[in-house]
């Protein structure tokens, strides 16, 4: 059974992360299922654009600590979104944490309702936002991002727009997306592909240069003693040993 539900309306395919029991955490299975769905969309000439959204109150809680994807698989998924020959638009109406923010950054356009919340929680469990930095660092304000990378603080959609993580926010995210999707439907498929290629060139340069190093960093940190303590503390709903 796939963890991705799919609908289509006027050449826009909507892919919904559909693992509400784990708050759409990025498990090995969910990452694989999303990659398969994106492959289908990329090959389908009747798909003009892809909307990536979610069921439940959480877009994604980040990596599934009980069934994490291999770092190479997450790198592959993020690169696939960036390289897909069709625009990918994130639609968020809930909470986004850690690795879920990498999905937003990989998308070409990202919109969220004003009730959404965001946080880079990696530092609080003993790891770093390593792999997700591949699409994040080229697309966001580095000075503004530093605070949230280093503290794990929660921030709101208006701050996410300021960082460059979101394109727009509105009380009704679908109202905000209506003119965007209409614009994509009016655009030539060839022109969309080539324009996206222009926009993503620098992001892909970062993947080419840094993916191997950041994958190795992620793997090293996730097997470290501090990460084991941080993940155990998270699952046990207690403070980690280093909290002062």
C-alpha atoms as a PDB file:
ATOM      1  CA  UNK A   1       0.000   0.000   0.000  1.00  0.00           C
ATOM      2  CA  UNK A   2       1.497   3.344  -1.048  1.00  0.00           C
ATOM      3  CA  UNK A   3       1.974   6.192   1.405  1.00  0.00           C
ATOM      4  CA  UNK A   4       1.304   8.735  -1.358  1.00  0.00           C
ATOM      5  CA  UNK A   5      -2.234   9.556  -2.476  1.00  0.00           C
ATOM      6  CA  UNK A   6      -2.723  11.083  -5.931  1.00  0.00           C
ATOM      7  CA  UNK A   7      -5.336  13.229  -7.645  1.00  0.00           C
ATOM      8  CA  UNK A   8      -5.331  15.257 -10.864  1.00  0.00           C
ATOM      9  CA  UNK A   9      -7.183  18.377 -11.977  1.00  0.00           C
ATOM     10  CA  UNK A  10      -6.568  20.258 -15.231  1.00  0.00           C
ATOM     11  CA  UNK A  11      -3.064  18.848 -15.766  1.00  0.00           C
ATOM     12  CA  UNK A  12      -1.902  19.457 -12.186  1.00  0.00           C
ATOM     13  CA  UNK A  13      -1.075  16.265 -10.289  1.00  0.00           C
ATOM     14  CA  UNK A  14      -1.397  16.484  -6.506  1.00  0.00           C
ATOM     15  CA  UNK A  15       0.764  14.124  -4.447  1.00  0.00           C
ATOM     16  CA  UNK A  16      -0.216  13.945  -0.778  1.00  0.00           C
ATOM     17  CA  UNK A  17       2.033  12.508   1.914  1.00  0.00           C
ATOM     18  CA  UNK A  18      -0.392  10.073   3.531  1.00  0.00           C
ATOM     19  CA  UNK A  19       1.148   8.544   6.643  1.00  0.00           C
ATOM     20  CA  UNK A  20      -0.769  10.393   9.330  1.00  0.00           C
ATOM     21  CA  UNK A  21      -0.004   7.789  12.009  1.00  0.00           C
ATOM     22  CA  UNK A  22       3.664   8.863  11.871  1.00  0.00           C
ATOM     23  CA  UNK A  23       2.918  12.540  11.077  1.00  0.00           C
ATOM     24  CA  UNK A  24       4.231  11.934   7.559  1.00  0.00           C
ATOM     25  CA  UNK A  25       7.717  11.239   8.888  1.00  0.00           C
ATOM     26  CA  UNK A  26      10.254  10.514   6.166  1.00  0.00           C
ATOM     27  CA  UNK A  27      10.538   6.756   6.455  1.00  0.00           C
ATOM     28  CA  UNK A  28      12.386   4.601   3.944  1.00  0.00           C
ATOM     29  CA  UNK A  29       9.000   3.548   2.540  1.00  0.00           C
ATOM     30  CA  UNK A  30       7.549   7.053   2.224  1.00  0.00           C
ATOM     31  CA  UNK A  31      10.703   8.350   0.522  1.00  0.00           C
ATOM     32  CA  UNK A  32      10.617   5.451  -1.940  1.00  0.00           C
ATOM     33  CA  UNK A  33       6.895   5.850  -2.649  1.00  0.00           C
ATOM     34  CA  UNK A  34       7.253   9.598  -3.234  1.00  0.00           C
ATOM     35  CA  UNK A  35      10.196   9.038  -5.564  1.00  0.00           C
ATOM     36  CA  UNK A  36       8.135   6.542  -7.595  1.00  0.00           C
ATOM     37  CA  UNK A  37       5.196   8.963  -7.845  1.00  0.00           C
ATOM     38  CA  UNK A  38       7.476  11.796  -8.977  1.00  0.00           C
ATOM     39  CA  UNK A  39       9.021   9.536 -11.616  1.00  0.00           C
ATOM     40  CA  UNK A  40       5.550   8.827 -12.990  1.00  0.00           C
ATOM     41  CA  UNK A  41       4.727  12.539 -13.097  1.00  0.00           C
ATOM     42  CA  UNK A  42       7.976  13.375 -14.830  1.00  0.00           C
ATOM     43  CA  UNK A  43       7.269  10.902 -17.617  1.00  0.00           C
ATOM     44  CA  UNK A  44       3.591  11.776 -18.103  1.00  0.00           C
ATOM     45  CA  UNK A  45       3.067  14.368 -20.872  1.00  0.00           C
ATOM     46  CA  UNK A  46      -0.376  15.173 -19.472  1.00  0.00           C
ATOM     47  CA  UNK A  47       1.094  16.482 -16.204  1.00  0.00           C
ATOM     48  CA  UNK A  48       1.950  20.186 -16.411  1.00  0.00           C
ATOM     49  CA  UNK A  49       2.908  20.674 -12.743  1.00  0.00           C
ATOM     50  CA  UNK A  50       3.000  18.793  -9.441  1.00  0.00           C
ATOM     51  CA  UNK A  51       1.586  19.940  -6.100  1.00  0.00           C
ATOM     52  CA  UNK A  52       3.191  18.303  -3.053  1.00  0.00           C
ATOM     53  CA  UNK A  53       0.931  18.411   0.013  1.00  0.00           C
ATOM     54  CA  UNK A  54      -0.146  16.282   2.965  1.00  0.00           C
ATOM     55  CA  UNK A  55      -2.972  14.666   4.874  1.00  0.00           C
ATOM     56  CA  UNK A  56      -3.394  15.393   8.572  1.00  0.00           C
ATOM     57  CA  UNK A  57      -2.095  18.313  10.581  1.00  0.00           C
ATOM     58  CA  UNK A  58       1.607  17.792   9.799  1.00  0.00           C
ATOM     59  CA  UNK A  59       3.263  18.197   6.406  1.00  0.00           C
ATOM     60  CA  UNK A  60       6.223  16.160   7.657  1.00  0.00           C
ATOM     61  CA  UNK A  61       7.779  15.603  11.065  1.00  0.00           C
ATOM     62  CA  UNK A  62      11.198  14.977   9.520  1.00  0.00           C
ATOM     63  CA  UNK A  63      13.119  11.715   9.423  1.00  0.00           C
ATOM     64  CA  UNK A  64      11.351   8.671  10.840  1.00  0.00           C
ATOM     65  CA  UNK A  65      13.636   7.738  13.752  1.00  0.00           C
ATOM     66  CA  UNK A  66      12.316   4.172  13.774  1.00  0.00           C
ATOM     67  CA  UNK A  67      12.705   3.605  10.016  1.00  0.00           C
ATOM     68  CA  UNK A  68      14.966   6.336   8.639  1.00  0.00           C
ATOM     69  CA  UNK A  69      15.759   6.467   4.930  1.00  0.00           C
ATOM     70  CA  UNK A  70      19.364   5.972   3.901  1.00  0.00           C
ATOM     71  CA  UNK A  71      20.982   9.403   3.429  1.00  0.00           C
ATOM     72  CA  UNK A  72      21.618   8.534  -0.231  1.00  0.00           C
ATOM     73  CA  UNK A  73      17.885   7.938  -0.717  1.00  0.00           C
ATOM     74  CA  UNK A  74      16.995  11.308   0.781  1.00  0.00           C
ATOM     75  CA  UNK A  75      19.608  13.055  -1.359  1.00  0.00           C
ATOM     76  CA  UNK A  76      18.147  11.294  -4.386  1.00  0.00           C
ATOM     77  CA  UNK A  77      14.610  12.394  -3.539  1.00  0.00           C
ATOM     78  CA  UNK A  78      15.581  16.030  -3.005  1.00  0.00           C
ATOM     79  CA  UNK A  79      17.550  16.073  -6.245  1.00  0.00           C
ATOM     80  CA  UNK A  80      14.664  14.431  -8.075  1.00  0.00           C
ATOM     81  CA  UNK A  81      12.325  17.264  -7.023  1.00  0.00           C
ATOM     82  CA  UNK A  82      14.862  19.869  -8.116  1.00  0.00           C
ATOM     83  CA  UNK A  83      15.526  18.119 -11.441  1.00  0.00           C
ATOM     84  CA  UNK A  84      11.951  17.131 -12.279  1.00  0.00           C
ATOM     85  CA  UNK A  85      11.213  18.679 -15.706  1.00  0.00           C
ATOM     86  CA  UNK A  86       7.991  20.164 -14.339  1.00  0.00           C
ATOM     87  CA  UNK A  87       7.394  22.725 -11.600  1.00  0.00           C
ATOM     88  CA  UNK A  88       6.807  21.286  -8.125  1.00  0.00           C
ATOM     89  CA  UNK A  89       4.728  23.398  -5.741  1.00  0.00           C
ATOM     90  CA  UNK A  90       4.555  22.733  -2.006  1.00  0.00           C
ATOM     91  CA  UNK A  91       1.172  23.266  -0.349  1.00  0.00           C
ATOM     92  CA  UNK A  92       1.381  23.322   3.452  1.00  0.00           C
ATOM     93  CA  UNK A  93      -1.441  23.635   5.972  1.00  0.00           C
ATOM     94  CA  UNK A  94       0.278  22.115   9.004  1.00  0.00           C
ATOM     95  CA  UNK A  95       3.558  21.684  10.821  1.00  0.00           C
ATOM     96  CA  UNK A  96       6.925  21.118   9.146  1.00  0.00           C
ATOM     97  CA  UNK A  97       9.987  19.890  10.983  1.00  0.00           C
ATOM     98  CA  UNK A  98      13.585  18.988  10.136  1.00  0.00           C
ATOM     99  CA  UNK A  99      13.768  16.903   6.953  1.00  0.00           C
ATOM    100  CA  UNK A 100      10.338  18.098   5.885  1.00  0.00           C
ATOM    101  CA  UNK A 101      11.886  21.534   5.391  1.00  0.00           C
ATOM    102  CA  UNK A 102      14.236  19.991   2.856  1.00  0.00           C
ATOM    103  CA  UNK A 103      11.228  18.976   0.786  1.00  0.00           C
ATOM    104  CA  UNK A 104       9.942  22.565   0.849  1.00  0.00           C
ATOM    105  CA  UNK A 105      13.304  23.950  -0.184  1.00  0.00           C
ATOM    106  CA  UNK A 106      13.586  21.500  -3.075  1.00  0.00           C
ATOM    107  CA  UNK A 107      10.244  22.646  -4.493  1.00  0.00           C
ATOM    108  CA  UNK A 108      10.145  25.494  -7.014  1.00  0.00           C
ATOM    109  CA  UNK A 109       7.323  27.349  -5.252  1.00  0.00           C
ATOM    110  CA  UNK A 110       6.145  26.882  -1.666  1.00  0.00           C
ATOM    111  CA  UNK A 111       2.936  28.212  -0.105  1.00  0.00           C
ATOM    112  CA  UNK A 112       1.623  27.742   3.417  1.00  0.00           C
ATOM    113  CA  UNK A 113      -1.395  28.713   5.446  1.00  0.00           C
ATOM    114  CA  UNK A 114      -0.860  31.178   8.263  1.00  0.00           C
ATOM    115  CA  UNK A 115      -1.393  28.378  10.817  1.00  0.00           C
ATOM    116  CA  UNK A 116       1.670  26.406   9.661  1.00  0.00           C
ATOM    117  CA  UNK A 117       4.769  26.195  11.869  1.00  0.00           C
ATOM    118  CA  UNK A 118       8.377  25.345  11.092  1.00  0.00           C
ATOM    119  CA  UNK A 119      11.493  24.224  12.995  1.00  0.00           C
ATOM    120  CA  UNK A 120      14.915  22.757  12.284  1.00  0.00           C
ATOM    121  CA  UNK A 121      14.903  20.368  15.250  1.00  0.00           C
ATOM    122  CA  UNK A 122      18.020  18.391  14.309  1.00  0.00           C
ATOM    123  CA  UNK A 123      20.307  20.152  16.809  1.00  0.00           C
ATOM    124  CA  UNK A 124      18.009  19.127  19.655  1.00  0.00           C
ATOM    125  CA  UNK A 125      18.526  15.423  18.982  1.00  0.00           C
ATOM    126  CA  UNK A 126      22.269  15.574  18.401  1.00  0.00           C
ATOM    127  CA  UNK A 127      22.498  15.793  14.609  1.00  0.00           C
ATOM    128  CA  UNK A 128      22.701  18.546  11.984  1.00  0.00           C
ATOM    129  CA  UNK A 129      20.498  19.583   9.035  1.00  0.00           C
ATOM    130  CA  UNK A 130      23.119  18.134   6.706  1.00  0.00           C
ATOM    131  CA  UNK A 131      21.484  16.578   3.635  1.00  0.00           C
ATOM    132  CA  UNK A 132      18.594  19.066   3.576  1.00  0.00           C
ATOM    133  CA  UNK A 133      21.142  21.879   3.341  1.00  0.00           C
ATOM    134  CA  UNK A 134      21.687  20.930  -0.299  1.00  0.00           C
ATOM    135  CA  UNK A 135      18.524  22.752  -1.497  1.00  0.00           C
ATOM    136  CA  UNK A 136      18.205  25.019   1.550  1.00  0.00           C
ATOM    137  CA  UNK A 137      21.489  26.929   1.586  1.00  0.00           C
ATOM    138  CA  UNK A 138      21.361  28.129  -2.045  1.00  0.00           C
ATOM    139  CA  UNK A 139      17.770  29.354  -1.681  1.00  0.00           C
ATOM    140  CA  UNK A 140      17.594  31.002   1.727  1.00  0.00           C
ATOM    141  CA  UNK A 141      19.079  33.967   3.553  1.00  0.00           C
ATOM    142  CA  UNK A 142      22.152  32.579   5.371  1.00  0.00           C
ATOM    143  CA  UNK A 143      22.136  35.087   8.232  1.00  0.00           C
ATOM    144  CA  UNK A 144      18.459  34.575   8.965  1.00  0.00           C
ATOM    145  CA  UNK A 145      18.750  30.801   8.593  1.00  0.00           C
ATOM    146  CA  UNK A 146      21.651  30.559  11.063  1.00  0.00           C
ATOM    147  CA  UNK A 147      19.433  31.376  14.042  1.00  0.00           C
ATOM    148  CA  UNK A 148      16.960  28.586  13.351  1.00  0.00           C
ATOM    149  CA  UNK A 149      19.589  26.017  12.346  1.00  0.00           C
ATOM    150  CA  UNK A 150      21.502  26.627  15.588  1.00  0.00           C
ATOM    151  CA  UNK A 151      18.635  26.933  18.082  1.00  0.00           C
ATOM    152  CA  UNK A 152      15.897  24.633  16.794  1.00  0.00           C
ATOM    153  CA  UNK A 153      13.371  27.375  17.565  1.00  0.00           C
ATOM    154  CA  UNK A 154       9.926  27.279  16.029  1.00  0.00           C
ATOM    155  CA  UNK A 155       9.058  30.031  13.523  1.00  0.00           C
ATOM    156  CA  UNK A 156       5.940  31.131  11.679  1.00  0.00           C
ATOM    157  CA  UNK A 157       5.076  31.441   7.960  1.00  0.00           C
ATOM    158  CA  UNK A 158       5.882  35.140   7.718  1.00  0.00           C
ATOM    159  CA  UNK A 159       9.380  34.416   9.012  1.00  0.00           C
ATOM    160  CA  UNK A 160       9.628  31.486   6.583  1.00  0.00           C
ATOM    161  CA  UNK A 161       8.876  33.910   3.738  1.00  0.00           C
ATOM    162  CA  UNK A 162      11.583  36.271   5.022  1.00  0.00           C
ATOM    163  CA  UNK A 163      14.084  33.401   5.095  1.00  0.00           C
ATOM    164  CA  UNK A 164      13.237  32.439   1.513  1.00  0.00           C
ATOM    165  CA  UNK A 165      11.844  29.070   2.577  1.00  0.00           C
ATOM    166  CA  UNK A 166       8.313  29.996   1.468  1.00  0.00           C
ATOM    167  CA  UNK A 167       7.120  31.903  -1.578  1.00  0.00           C
ATOM    168  CA  UNK A 168       3.902  33.097   0.024  1.00  0.00           C
ATOM    169  CA  UNK A 169       1.540  32.604   2.954  1.00  0.00           C
ATOM    170  CA  UNK A 170      -2.183  33.244   3.295  1.00  0.00           C
ATOM    171  CA  UNK A 171      -5.106  32.400   5.549  1.00  0.00           C
ATOM    172  CA  UNK A 172      -6.412  30.215   2.705  1.00  0.00           C
ATOM    173  CA  UNK A 173      -3.453  28.605   0.975  1.00  0.00           C
ATOM    174  CA  UNK A 174      -5.602  27.441  -1.928  1.00  0.00           C
ATOM    175  CA  UNK A 175      -6.632  31.019  -2.672  1.00  0.00           C
ATOM    176  CA  UNK A 176      -2.941  31.918  -2.781  1.00  0.00           C
ATOM    177  CA  UNK A 177      -2.169  29.022  -5.116  1.00  0.00           C
ATOM    178  CA  UNK A 178      -5.021  29.642  -7.562  1.00  0.00           C
ATOM    179  CA  UNK A 179      -3.263  32.333  -9.661  1.00  0.00           C
ATOM    180  CA  UNK A 180       0.013  30.405  -9.502  1.00  0.00           C
ATOM    181  CA  UNK A 181      -1.515  27.193 -10.826  1.00  0.00           C
ATOM    182  CA  UNK A 182      -3.499  29.107 -13.457  1.00  0.00           C
ATOM    183  CA  UNK A 183      -0.257  30.701 -14.615  1.00  0.00           C
ATOM    184  CA  UNK A 184       1.423  27.318 -14.927  1.00  0.00           C
ATOM    185  CA  UNK A 185      -1.522  25.952 -16.897  1.00  0.00           C
ATOM    186  CA  UNK A 186      -1.130  28.832 -19.363  1.00  0.00           C
ATOM    187  CA  UNK A 187       2.592  28.213 -19.802  1.00  0.00           C
ATOM    188  CA  UNK A 188       4.246  26.119 -22.496  1.00  0.00           C
ATOM    189  CA  UNK A 189       5.523  22.773 -21.153  1.00  0.00           C
ATOM    190  CA  UNK A 190       8.802  23.279 -23.013  1.00  0.00           C
ATOM    191  CA  UNK A 191       9.185  26.777 -21.609  1.00  0.00           C
ATOM    192  CA  UNK A 192       8.477  25.588 -18.063  1.00  0.00           C
ATOM    193  CA  UNK A 193      11.130  22.884 -18.330  1.00  0.00           C
ATOM    194  CA  UNK A 194      13.819  25.202 -19.648  1.00  0.00           C
ATOM    195  CA  UNK A 195      12.943  28.025 -17.266  1.00  0.00           C
ATOM    196  CA  UNK A 196      13.108  25.649 -14.322  1.00  0.00           C
ATOM    197  CA  UNK A 197      16.516  24.489 -15.570  1.00  0.00           C
ATOM    198  CA  UNK A 198      17.745  28.100 -15.389  1.00  0.00           C
ATOM    199  CA  UNK A 199      16.375  28.572 -11.896  1.00  0.00           C
ATOM    200  CA  UNK A 200      17.819  25.367 -10.442  1.00  0.00           C
ATOM    201  CA  UNK A 201      21.319  25.448 -11.967  1.00  0.00           C
ATOM    202  CA  UNK A 202      22.979  26.797  -8.807  1.00  0.00           C
ATOM    203  CA  UNK A 203      21.085  24.402  -6.562  1.00  0.00           C
ATOM    204  CA  UNK A 204      22.294  21.452  -8.637  1.00  0.00           C
ATOM    205  CA  UNK A 205      25.851  22.778  -8.470  1.00  0.00           C
ATOM    206  CA  UNK A 206      25.567  22.486  -4.692  1.00  0.00           C
ATOM    207  CA  UNK A 207      24.384  18.890  -5.014  1.00  0.00           C
ATOM    208  CA  UNK A 208      27.298  18.061  -7.310  1.00  0.00           C
ATOM    209  CA  UNK A 209      29.834  19.680  -5.009  1.00  0.00           C
ATOM    210  CA  UNK A 210      28.572  18.808  -1.518  1.00  0.00           C
ATOM    211  CA  UNK A 211      26.252  15.770  -1.617  1.00  0.00           C
ATOM    212  CA  UNK A 212      28.918  13.172  -0.814  1.00  0.00           C
ATOM    213  CA  UNK A 213      30.342  15.146   2.115  1.00  0.00           C
ATOM    214  CA  UNK A 214      26.950  15.971   3.615  1.00  0.00           C
ATOM    215  CA  UNK A 215      25.748  12.389   3.235  1.00  0.00           C
ATOM    216  CA  UNK A 216      28.836  11.178   5.092  1.00  0.00           C
ATOM    217  CA  UNK A 217      28.285  13.799   7.794  1.00  0.00           C
ATOM    218  CA  UNK A 218      24.676  12.734   8.231  1.00  0.00           C
ATOM    219  CA  UNK A 219      25.603   9.053   8.509  1.00  0.00           C
ATOM    220  CA  UNK A 220      28.362   9.812  11.040  1.00  0.00           C
ATOM    221  CA  UNK A 221      26.153  11.976  13.248  1.00  0.00           C
ATOM    222  CA  UNK A 222      23.198   9.585  13.275  1.00  0.00           C
ATOM    223  CA  UNK A 223      25.396   6.806  14.710  1.00  0.00           C
ATOM    224  CA  UNK A 224      27.071   9.005  17.338  1.00  0.00           C
ATOM    225  CA  UNK A 225      26.524   8.631  21.104  1.00  0.00           C
ATOM    226  CA  UNK A 226      24.944  12.096  21.357  1.00  0.00           C
ATOM    227  CA  UNK A 227      22.464  11.268  18.596  1.00  0.00           C
ATOM    228  CA  UNK A 228      21.521   8.026  20.328  1.00  0.00           C
ATOM    229  CA  UNK A 229      20.878   9.985  23.527  1.00  0.00           C
ATOM    230  CA  UNK A 230      18.974  12.696  21.673  1.00  0.00           C
ATOM    231  CA  UNK A 231      16.742  10.272  19.799  1.00  0.00           C
ATOM    232  CA  UNK A 232      16.091   8.218  22.929  1.00  0.00           C
ATOM    233  CA  UNK A 233      15.181  11.357  24.853  1.00  0.00           C
ATOM    234  CA  UNK A 234      12.845  12.434  22.042  1.00  0.00           C
ATOM    235  CA  UNK A 235      11.074   9.070  21.958  1.00  0.00           C
ATOM    236  CA  UNK A 236      10.839   9.016  25.761  1.00  0.00           C
ATOM    237  CA  UNK A 237       9.563  12.620  25.801  1.00  0.00           C
ATOM    238  CA  UNK A 238      12.270  13.881  28.152  1.00  0.00           C
ATOM    239  CA  UNK A 239      15.117  16.385  27.969  1.00  0.00           C
ATOM    240  CA  UNK A 240      18.386  15.115  26.560  1.00  0.00           C
ATOM    241  CA  UNK A 241      21.291  14.761  28.979  1.00  0.00           C
ATOM    242  CA  UNK A 242      22.999  17.923  27.678  1.00  0.00           C
ATOM    243  CA  UNK A 243      20.100  20.295  28.429  1.00  0.00           C
ATOM    244  CA  UNK A 244      21.166  22.851  31.041  1.00  0.00           C
END
